[in-house]
């Protein structure tokens, strides 16, 4: 698997409460923490951590995560890795 690349995948999961309630809760937390971050500030922070922010739909993120699970499961199995 020499041609593989390592990437961190992250994104919001599905809300467990009505979208309006979730939005109000998130905005309340942001207001309590001070001014919300601008999209540019978020991109700068991600880039500083070595991440390459990209957009996409929740469906695309789910497909990416599923394919990564399959890909990395093969690596773990081939290396005979065990949880510690």
N, C-alpha and C. Protein backbone atom coordinates (compact mmCIF):
# COMPACT_ATOMS: atom_id res chain seq x y z
N UNK A 1 0.82 -1.18 0.00
CA UNK A 1 0.00 0.00 0.00
C UNK A 1 0.87 1.26 0.00
N UNK A 2 1.95 1.21 -0.71
CA UNK A 2 2.89 2.33 -0.73
C UNK A 2 2.29 3.59 -1.32
N UNK A 3 1.30 3.48 -2.19
CA UNK A 3 0.72 4.65 -2.83
C UNK A 3 -0.43 5.25 -2.05
N UNK A 4 -0.69 4.74 -0.87
CA UNK A 4 -1.81 5.24 -0.07
C UNK A 4 -1.42 6.55 0.60
N UNK A 5 -2.41 7.32 0.94
CA UNK A 5 -2.18 8.55 1.68
C UNK A 5 -2.97 8.49 2.97
N UNK A 6 -2.47 9.17 3.96
CA UNK A 6 -3.14 9.21 5.26
C UNK A 6 -3.89 10.52 5.36
N UNK A 7 -5.15 10.44 5.64
CA UNK A 7 -5.97 11.64 5.77
C UNK A 7 -6.85 11.52 7.00
N UNK A 8 -7.09 12.66 7.63
CA UNK A 8 -8.04 12.70 8.74
C UNK A 8 -9.37 13.15 8.17
N UNK A 9 -10.40 12.40 8.48
CA UNK A 9 -11.73 12.76 8.01
C UNK A 9 -12.52 13.22 9.22
N UNK A 10 -13.17 14.34 9.09
CA UNK A 10 -13.98 14.83 10.18
C UNK A 10 -15.16 15.60 9.62
N UNK A 11 -16.22 15.57 10.32
CA UNK A 11 -17.39 16.32 9.92
C UNK A 11 -18.48 16.11 10.94
N UNK A 12 -19.47 16.95 10.89
CA UNK A 12 -20.56 16.82 11.86
C UNK A 12 -21.39 15.58 11.58
N UNK A 13 -21.84 14.94 12.61
CA UNK A 13 -22.74 13.81 12.47
C UNK A 13 -24.18 14.30 12.40
N UNK A 14 -25.10 13.40 12.23
CA UNK A 14 -26.50 13.80 12.14
C UNK A 14 -26.99 14.35 13.47
N UNK A 15 -27.82 15.37 13.46
CA UNK A 15 -28.33 15.92 14.72
C UNK A 15 -29.25 14.93 15.43
N UNK A 16 -29.20 14.93 16.73
CA UNK A 16 -30.05 14.05 17.52
C UNK A 16 -31.21 14.82 18.12
N UNK A 17 -31.34 16.06 17.72
CA UNK A 17 -32.46 16.88 18.15
C UNK A 17 -32.93 17.69 16.95
N UNK A 18 -34.08 18.30 17.04
CA UNK A 18 -34.56 19.08 15.89
C UNK A 18 -33.53 20.12 15.46
N UNK A 19 -33.35 20.32 14.14
CA UNK A 19 -32.33 21.23 13.64
C UNK A 19 -32.39 22.63 14.26
N UNK A 20 -33.57 23.15 14.48
CA UNK A 20 -33.69 24.49 15.08
C UNK A 20 -33.12 24.53 16.48
N UNK A 21 -33.38 23.50 17.28
CA UNK A 21 -32.86 23.43 18.64
C UNK A 21 -31.35 23.30 18.64
N UNK A 22 -30.84 22.50 17.73
CA UNK A 22 -29.39 22.32 17.61
C UNK A 22 -28.72 23.63 17.24
N UNK A 23 -29.28 24.33 16.26
CA UNK A 23 -28.71 25.60 15.83
C UNK A 23 -28.71 26.61 16.98
N UNK A 24 -29.80 26.68 17.72
CA UNK A 24 -29.89 27.61 18.84
C UNK A 24 -28.85 27.27 19.90
N UNK A 25 -28.66 25.98 20.17
CA UNK A 25 -27.67 25.56 21.16
C UNK A 25 -26.26 25.92 20.73
N UNK A 26 -25.93 25.63 19.46
CA UNK A 26 -24.59 25.94 18.95
C UNK A 26 -24.34 27.44 18.99
N UNK A 27 -25.30 28.22 18.55
CA UNK A 27 -25.13 29.67 18.54
C UNK A 27 -24.99 30.20 19.96
N UNK A 28 -25.70 29.62 20.92
CA UNK A 28 -25.57 30.03 22.31
C UNK A 28 -24.16 29.78 22.83
N UNK A 29 -23.60 28.63 22.49
CA UNK A 29 -22.23 28.31 22.90
C UNK A 29 -21.26 29.28 22.27
N UNK A 30 -21.43 29.56 20.98
CA UNK A 30 -20.53 30.49 20.29
C UNK A 30 -20.62 31.89 20.89
N UNK A 31 -21.83 32.34 21.18
CA UNK A 31 -21.99 33.67 21.79
C UNK A 31 -21.32 33.72 23.16
N UNK A 32 -21.46 32.66 23.93
CA UNK A 32 -20.85 32.62 25.26
C UNK A 32 -19.33 32.62 25.18
N UNK A 33 -18.78 32.06 24.11
CA UNK A 33 -17.33 31.98 23.93
C UNK A 33 -16.75 33.25 23.32
N UNK A 34 -17.59 34.17 22.90
CA UNK A 34 -17.12 35.38 22.24
C UNK A 34 -17.58 35.37 20.80
N UNK A 35 -16.94 36.17 19.98
CA UNK A 35 -17.33 36.28 18.58
C UNK A 35 -17.10 34.96 17.86
N UNK A 36 -18.09 34.52 17.08
CA UNK A 36 -17.89 33.29 16.31
C UNK A 36 -16.74 33.44 15.32
N UNK A 37 -16.11 32.34 15.01
CA UNK A 37 -15.03 32.35 14.03
C UNK A 37 -15.59 32.54 12.63
N UNK A 38 -14.87 33.28 11.83
CA UNK A 38 -15.27 33.42 10.43
C UNK A 38 -14.81 32.18 9.68
N UNK A 39 -15.43 31.89 8.53
CA UNK A 39 -14.95 30.74 7.73
C UNK A 39 -13.46 30.83 7.42
N UNK A 40 -12.94 32.04 7.20
CA UNK A 40 -11.51 32.21 6.93
C UNK A 40 -10.66 31.81 8.12
N UNK A 41 -11.12 32.17 9.33
CA UNK A 41 -10.38 31.80 10.54
C UNK A 41 -10.38 30.29 10.73
N UNK A 42 -11.50 29.65 10.43
CA UNK A 42 -11.58 28.20 10.57
C UNK A 42 -10.62 27.54 9.58
N UNK A 43 -10.61 28.00 8.33
CA UNK A 43 -9.70 27.46 7.32
C UNK A 43 -8.24 27.64 7.74
N UNK A 44 -7.91 28.83 8.27
CA UNK A 44 -6.53 29.09 8.71
C UNK A 44 -6.13 28.14 9.83
N UNK A 45 -7.03 27.91 10.77
CA UNK A 45 -6.73 27.02 11.90
C UNK A 45 -6.54 25.58 11.41
N UNK A 46 -7.41 25.14 10.51
CA UNK A 46 -7.27 23.79 9.96
C UNK A 46 -5.96 23.65 9.19
N UNK A 47 -5.64 24.65 8.39
CA UNK A 47 -4.39 24.61 7.62
C UNK A 47 -3.18 24.59 8.55
N UNK A 48 -3.23 25.33 9.66
CA UNK A 48 -2.14 25.34 10.62
C UNK A 48 -1.93 23.95 11.23
N UNK A 49 -3.02 23.19 11.32
CA UNK A 49 -2.93 21.82 11.85
C UNK A 49 -2.57 20.81 10.76
N UNK A 50 -2.32 21.30 9.54
CA UNK A 50 -1.93 20.41 8.46
C UNK A 50 -3.11 19.82 7.70
N UNK A 51 -4.30 20.31 7.97
CA UNK A 51 -5.50 19.80 7.30
C UNK A 51 -5.75 20.57 6.01
N UNK A 52 -6.39 19.91 5.08
CA UNK A 52 -6.79 20.55 3.83
C UNK A 52 -8.31 20.56 3.81
N UNK A 53 -8.93 21.67 4.24
CA UNK A 53 -10.38 21.70 4.32
C UNK A 53 -11.03 21.59 2.93
N UNK A 54 -12.00 20.73 2.83
CA UNK A 54 -12.78 20.59 1.60
C UNK A 54 -14.25 20.54 1.99
N UNK A 55 -15.09 20.87 1.07
CA UNK A 55 -16.53 20.83 1.33
C UNK A 55 -17.15 19.59 0.73
N UNK A 56 -18.38 19.38 1.05
CA UNK A 56 -19.11 18.26 0.50
C UNK A 56 -20.40 18.05 1.27
N UNK A 57 -21.19 17.17 0.76
CA UNK A 57 -22.48 16.89 1.40
C UNK A 57 -22.30 15.85 2.50
N UNK A 58 -23.26 15.74 3.42
CA UNK A 58 -23.19 14.68 4.43
C UNK A 58 -23.10 13.29 3.81
N UNK A 59 -23.77 13.10 2.67
CA UNK A 59 -23.72 11.81 1.99
C UNK A 59 -22.30 11.51 1.51
N UNK A 60 -21.63 12.53 0.95
CA UNK A 60 -20.25 12.34 0.47
C UNK A 60 -19.31 12.03 1.63
N UNK A 61 -19.51 12.69 2.78
CA UNK A 61 -18.69 12.41 3.94
C UNK A 61 -18.91 10.98 4.42
N UNK A 62 -20.16 10.54 4.45
CA UNK A 62 -20.45 9.17 4.87
C UNK A 62 -19.78 8.16 3.94
N UNK A 63 -19.82 8.42 2.64
CA UNK A 63 -19.18 7.52 1.67
C UNK A 63 -17.66 7.50 1.87
N UNK A 64 -17.07 8.67 2.12
CA UNK A 64 -15.64 8.75 2.36
C UNK A 64 -15.25 7.97 3.61
N UNK A 65 -16.02 8.14 4.68
CA UNK A 65 -15.72 7.42 5.92
C UNK A 65 -15.85 5.91 5.72
N UNK A 66 -16.89 5.47 5.00
CA UNK A 66 -17.05 4.03 4.74
C UNK A 66 -15.86 3.49 3.95
N UNK A 67 -15.43 4.21 2.94
CA UNK A 67 -14.31 3.72 2.12
C UNK A 67 -13.01 3.72 2.93
N UNK A 68 -12.83 4.70 3.80
CA UNK A 68 -11.64 4.73 4.65
C UNK A 68 -11.63 3.58 5.64
N UNK A 69 -12.79 3.23 6.18
CA UNK A 69 -12.88 2.10 7.11
C UNK A 69 -12.44 0.82 6.40
N UNK A 70 -12.93 0.61 5.19
CA UNK A 70 -12.56 -0.58 4.42
C UNK A 70 -11.06 -0.57 4.14
N UNK A 71 -10.54 0.56 3.68
CA UNK A 71 -9.12 0.68 3.33
C UNK A 71 -8.23 0.41 4.54
N UNK A 72 -8.51 1.06 5.66
CA UNK A 72 -7.64 0.92 6.82
C UNK A 72 -7.85 -0.40 7.54
N UNK A 73 -9.00 -1.01 7.39
CA UNK A 73 -9.21 -2.35 7.97
C UNK A 73 -8.26 -3.34 7.30
N UNK A 74 -8.04 -3.19 6.00
CA UNK A 74 -7.10 -4.06 5.28
C UNK A 74 -5.68 -3.87 5.81
N UNK A 75 -5.31 -2.63 6.08
CA UNK A 75 -3.97 -2.35 6.60
C UNK A 75 -3.81 -2.97 7.99
N UNK A 76 -4.79 -2.78 8.84
CA UNK A 76 -4.74 -3.32 10.20
C UNK A 76 -4.66 -4.84 10.17
N UNK A 77 -5.45 -5.45 9.30
CA UNK A 77 -5.45 -6.92 9.21
C UNK A 77 -4.11 -7.42 8.67
N UNK A 78 -3.59 -6.79 7.63
CA UNK A 78 -2.32 -7.21 7.04
C UNK A 78 -1.17 -7.09 8.04
N UNK A 79 -1.22 -6.04 8.88
CA UNK A 79 -0.16 -5.83 9.86
C UNK A 79 -0.41 -6.60 11.15
N UNK A 80 -1.55 -7.29 11.21
CA UNK A 80 -1.93 -8.07 12.41
C UNK A 80 -1.90 -7.21 13.67
N UNK A 81 -2.43 -5.99 13.54
CA UNK A 81 -2.48 -5.08 14.68
C UNK A 81 -3.62 -5.47 15.60
N UNK A 82 -3.41 -5.25 16.89
CA UNK A 82 -4.42 -5.53 17.89
C UNK A 82 -4.64 -4.28 18.75
N UNK A 83 -5.84 -4.06 19.24
CA UNK A 83 -6.08 -2.93 20.13
C UNK A 83 -5.24 -3.05 21.40
N UNK A 84 -4.81 -1.95 21.92
CA UNK A 84 -4.01 -1.97 23.15
C UNK A 84 -4.77 -1.34 24.28
